[in-house]
Amino acid sequence: MNINIKVYLHAKGTNFLQSGSFPVTTSDYKKDPDWTAAVAAYEWIQQLKASYVASDDLRINQVNLY
């Protein structure tokens, strides 16, 4: 199954949205949906942070699951 994540970011003086769909194990999601979604979001946010490493003002304003 897939979960959809939206991350609202601020970098280089601009606010913007990144969103994506990520696969998770259905059995894990049924056992603990919050934890499973949090792990997927955390891993993706780490990738986003790595891609904006040159930005001194990077901040995550909001994360939504939809």
N, C-alpha and C. Protein backbone atom coordinates (compact mmCIF):
# COMPACT_ATOMS: atom_id res chain seq x y z
N MET A 1 0.83 -1.17 0.00
CA MET A 1 0.00 0.00 0.00
C MET A 1 0.88 1.24 0.00
N ASN A 2 0.32 2.35 -0.40
CA ASN A 2 1.05 3.61 -0.43
C ASN A 2 0.41 4.62 0.51
N ILE A 3 1.24 5.47 1.09
CA ILE A 3 0.73 6.62 1.83
C ILE A 3 1.22 7.87 1.10
N ASN A 4 0.45 8.92 1.22
CA ASN A 4 0.77 10.19 0.57
C ASN A 4 1.19 11.19 1.64
N ILE A 5 2.28 11.88 1.36
CA ILE A 5 2.85 12.84 2.32
C ILE A 5 3.04 14.18 1.64
N LYS A 6 2.68 15.24 2.36
CA LYS A 6 2.96 16.62 1.93
C LYS A 6 3.87 17.24 2.98
N VAL A 7 4.93 17.88 2.52
CA VAL A 7 5.86 18.58 3.43
C VAL A 7 5.95 20.02 2.97
N TYR A 8 5.61 20.93 3.88
CA TYR A 8 5.70 22.36 3.61
C TYR A 8 7.04 22.84 4.17
N LEU A 9 7.87 23.39 3.28
CA LEU A 9 9.24 23.78 3.62
C LEU A 9 9.46 25.27 3.40
N HIS A 10 10.51 25.75 4.02
CA HIS A 10 11.01 27.10 3.77
C HIS A 10 12.51 26.95 3.52
N ALA A 11 12.96 27.44 2.39
CA ALA A 11 14.40 27.40 2.08
C ALA A 11 14.72 28.53 1.12
N LYS A 12 15.87 29.10 1.34
CA LYS A 12 16.36 30.19 0.48
C LYS A 12 15.34 31.32 0.34
N GLY A 13 14.66 31.63 1.46
CA GLY A 13 13.72 32.74 1.49
C GLY A 13 12.37 32.45 0.86
N THR A 14 12.09 31.20 0.52
CA THR A 14 10.85 30.86 -0.17
C THR A 14 10.14 29.70 0.53
N ASN A 15 8.81 29.80 0.63
CA ASN A 15 8.00 28.69 1.13
C ASN A 15 7.54 27.86 -0.05
N PHE A 16 7.57 26.54 0.10
CA PHE A 16 7.10 25.68 -0.98
C PHE A 16 6.65 24.34 -0.43
N LEU A 17 6.03 23.56 -1.30
CA LEU A 17 5.45 22.27 -0.95
C LEU A 17 6.14 21.17 -1.74
N GLN A 18 6.47 20.09 -1.07
CA GLN A 18 6.93 18.86 -1.70
C GLN A 18 5.93 17.79 -1.31
N SER A 19 5.50 16.98 -2.25
CA SER A 19 4.59 15.89 -1.92
C SER A 19 4.98 14.64 -2.68
N GLY A 20 4.57 13.51 -2.15
CA GLY A 20 4.88 12.25 -2.80
C GLY A 20 4.09 11.11 -2.22
N SER A 21 4.15 9.99 -2.90
CA SER A 21 3.48 8.76 -2.50
C SER A 21 4.56 7.73 -2.19
N PHE A 22 4.43 7.04 -1.05
CA PHE A 22 5.48 6.15 -0.59
C PHE A 22 4.91 4.79 -0.19
N PRO A 23 5.58 3.72 -0.61
CA PRO A 23 5.10 2.38 -0.27
C PRO A 23 5.39 2.05 1.20
N VAL A 24 4.43 1.42 1.84
CA VAL A 24 4.61 0.89 3.19
C VAL A 24 4.01 -0.51 3.22
N THR A 25 4.48 -1.30 4.13
CA THR A 25 3.95 -2.65 4.28
C THR A 25 2.56 -2.58 4.90
N THR A 26 1.60 -3.20 4.26
CA THR A 26 0.21 -3.15 4.72
C THR A 26 0.07 -3.69 6.14
N SER A 27 0.74 -4.79 6.44
CA SER A 27 0.62 -5.38 7.78
C SER A 27 1.19 -4.44 8.85
N ASP A 28 2.31 -3.77 8.54
CA ASP A 28 2.86 -2.79 9.49
C ASP A 28 1.90 -1.63 9.69
N TYR A 29 1.30 -1.18 8.60
CA TYR A 29 0.37 -0.04 8.68
C TYR A 29 -0.86 -0.41 9.50
N LYS A 30 -1.36 -1.63 9.34
CA LYS A 30 -2.54 -2.06 10.12
C LYS A 30 -2.22 -2.18 11.59
N LYS A 31 -0.99 -2.61 11.92
CA LYS A 31 -0.58 -2.74 13.32
C LYS A 31 -0.43 -1.38 13.99
N ASP A 32 0.23 -0.46 13.30
CA ASP A 32 0.50 0.87 13.88
C ASP A 32 0.62 1.90 12.76
N PRO A 33 -0.51 2.44 12.30
CA PRO A 33 -0.46 3.37 11.17
C PRO A 33 0.35 4.64 11.44
N ASP A 34 0.27 5.16 12.65
CA ASP A 34 1.00 6.39 12.96
C ASP A 34 2.51 6.17 12.88
N TRP A 35 2.98 5.08 13.47
CA TRP A 35 4.41 4.79 13.47
C TRP A 35 4.92 4.54 12.05
N THR A 36 4.18 3.74 11.29
CA THR A 36 4.57 3.40 9.93
C THR A 36 4.64 4.64 9.05
N ALA A 37 3.66 5.51 9.18
CA ALA A 37 3.65 6.76 8.40
C ALA A 37 4.79 7.67 8.85
N ALA A 38 5.03 7.72 10.16
CA ALA A 38 6.10 8.57 10.68
C ALA A 38 7.46 8.13 10.17
N VAL A 39 7.70 6.84 10.10
CA VAL A 39 8.98 6.33 9.60
C VAL A 39 9.16 6.71 8.13
N ALA A 40 8.12 6.52 7.32
CA ALA A 40 8.20 6.88 5.90
C ALA A 40 8.45 8.38 5.74
N ALA A 41 7.74 9.19 6.52
CA ALA A 41 7.91 10.65 6.44
C ALA A 41 9.32 11.05 6.88
N TYR A 42 9.81 10.46 7.96
CA TYR A 42 11.15 10.79 8.46
C TYR A 42 12.22 10.48 7.41
N GLU A 43 12.13 9.31 6.81
CA GLU A 43 13.13 8.93 5.80
C GLU A 43 13.12 9.88 4.62
N TRP A 44 11.94 10.28 4.19
CA TRP A 44 11.85 11.19 3.05
C TRP A 44 12.34 12.58 3.42
N ILE A 45 11.99 13.04 4.61
CA ILE A 45 12.44 14.36 5.06
C ILE A 45 13.97 14.41 5.15
N GLN A 46 14.59 13.32 5.56
CA GLN A 46 16.06 13.28 5.60
C GLN A 46 16.64 13.45 4.20
N GLN A 47 15.99 12.85 3.20
CA GLN A 47 16.43 13.03 1.82
C GLN A 47 16.24 14.47 1.36
N LEU A 48 15.10 15.07 1.74
CA LEU A 48 14.86 16.47 1.37
C LEU A 48 15.90 17.38 2.00
N LYS A 49 16.19 17.15 3.28
CA LYS A 49 17.18 17.98 3.96
C LYS A 49 18.54 17.86 3.30
N ALA A 50 18.90 16.68 2.87
CA ALA A 50 20.19 16.47 2.21
C ALA A 50 20.26 17.23 0.88
N SER A 51 19.14 17.34 0.20
CA SER A 51 19.15 18.03 -1.09
C SER A 51 19.18 19.55 -0.94
N TYR A 52 18.85 20.05 0.25
CA TYR A 52 18.88 21.50 0.50
C TYR A 52 19.97 21.87 1.49
N VAL A 53 21.03 21.08 1.55
CA VAL A 53 22.09 21.28 2.53
C VAL A 53 22.74 22.65 2.42
N ALA A 54 22.75 23.25 1.26
CA ALA A 54 23.38 24.55 1.07
C ALA A 54 22.53 25.69 1.61
N SER A 55 21.29 25.43 1.94
CA SER A 55 20.40 26.47 2.43
C SER A 55 20.54 26.63 3.95
N ASP A 56 20.94 27.83 4.36
CA ASP A 56 21.12 28.09 5.79
C ASP A 56 19.80 28.28 6.52
N ASP A 57 18.72 28.57 5.78
CA ASP A 57 17.45 28.87 6.44
C ASP A 57 16.40 27.76 6.24
N LEU A 58 16.84 26.54 5.96
CA LEU A 58 15.90 25.43 5.75
C LEU A 58 15.13 25.14 7.03
N ARG A 59 13.82 25.07 6.91
CA ARG A 59 12.99 24.64 8.02
C ARG A 59 11.77 23.92 7.46
N ILE A 60 11.27 23.00 8.23
CA ILE A 60 10.05 22.27 7.86
C ILE A 60 8.92 22.92 8.64
N ASN A 61 7.95 23.46 7.92
CA ASN A 61 6.84 24.14 8.56
C ASN A 61 5.71 23.21 8.95
N GLN A 62 5.47 22.17 8.12
CA GLN A 62 4.32 21.31 8.37
C GLN A 62 4.48 20.01 7.59
N VAL A 63 3.98 18.90 8.14
CA VAL A 63 3.94 17.61 7.45
C VAL A 63 2.51 17.09 7.56
N ASN A 64 1.93 16.71 6.42
CA ASN A 64 0.58 16.17 6.40
C ASN A 64 0.56 14.83 5.70
N LEU A 65 -0.24 13.93 6.20
CA LEU A 65 -0.55 12.69 5.49
C LEU A 65 -1.92 12.87 4.88
N TYR A 66 -2.07 12.42 3.66
CA TYR A 66 -3.37 12.52 3.02
C TYR A 66 -3.67 11.29 2.22
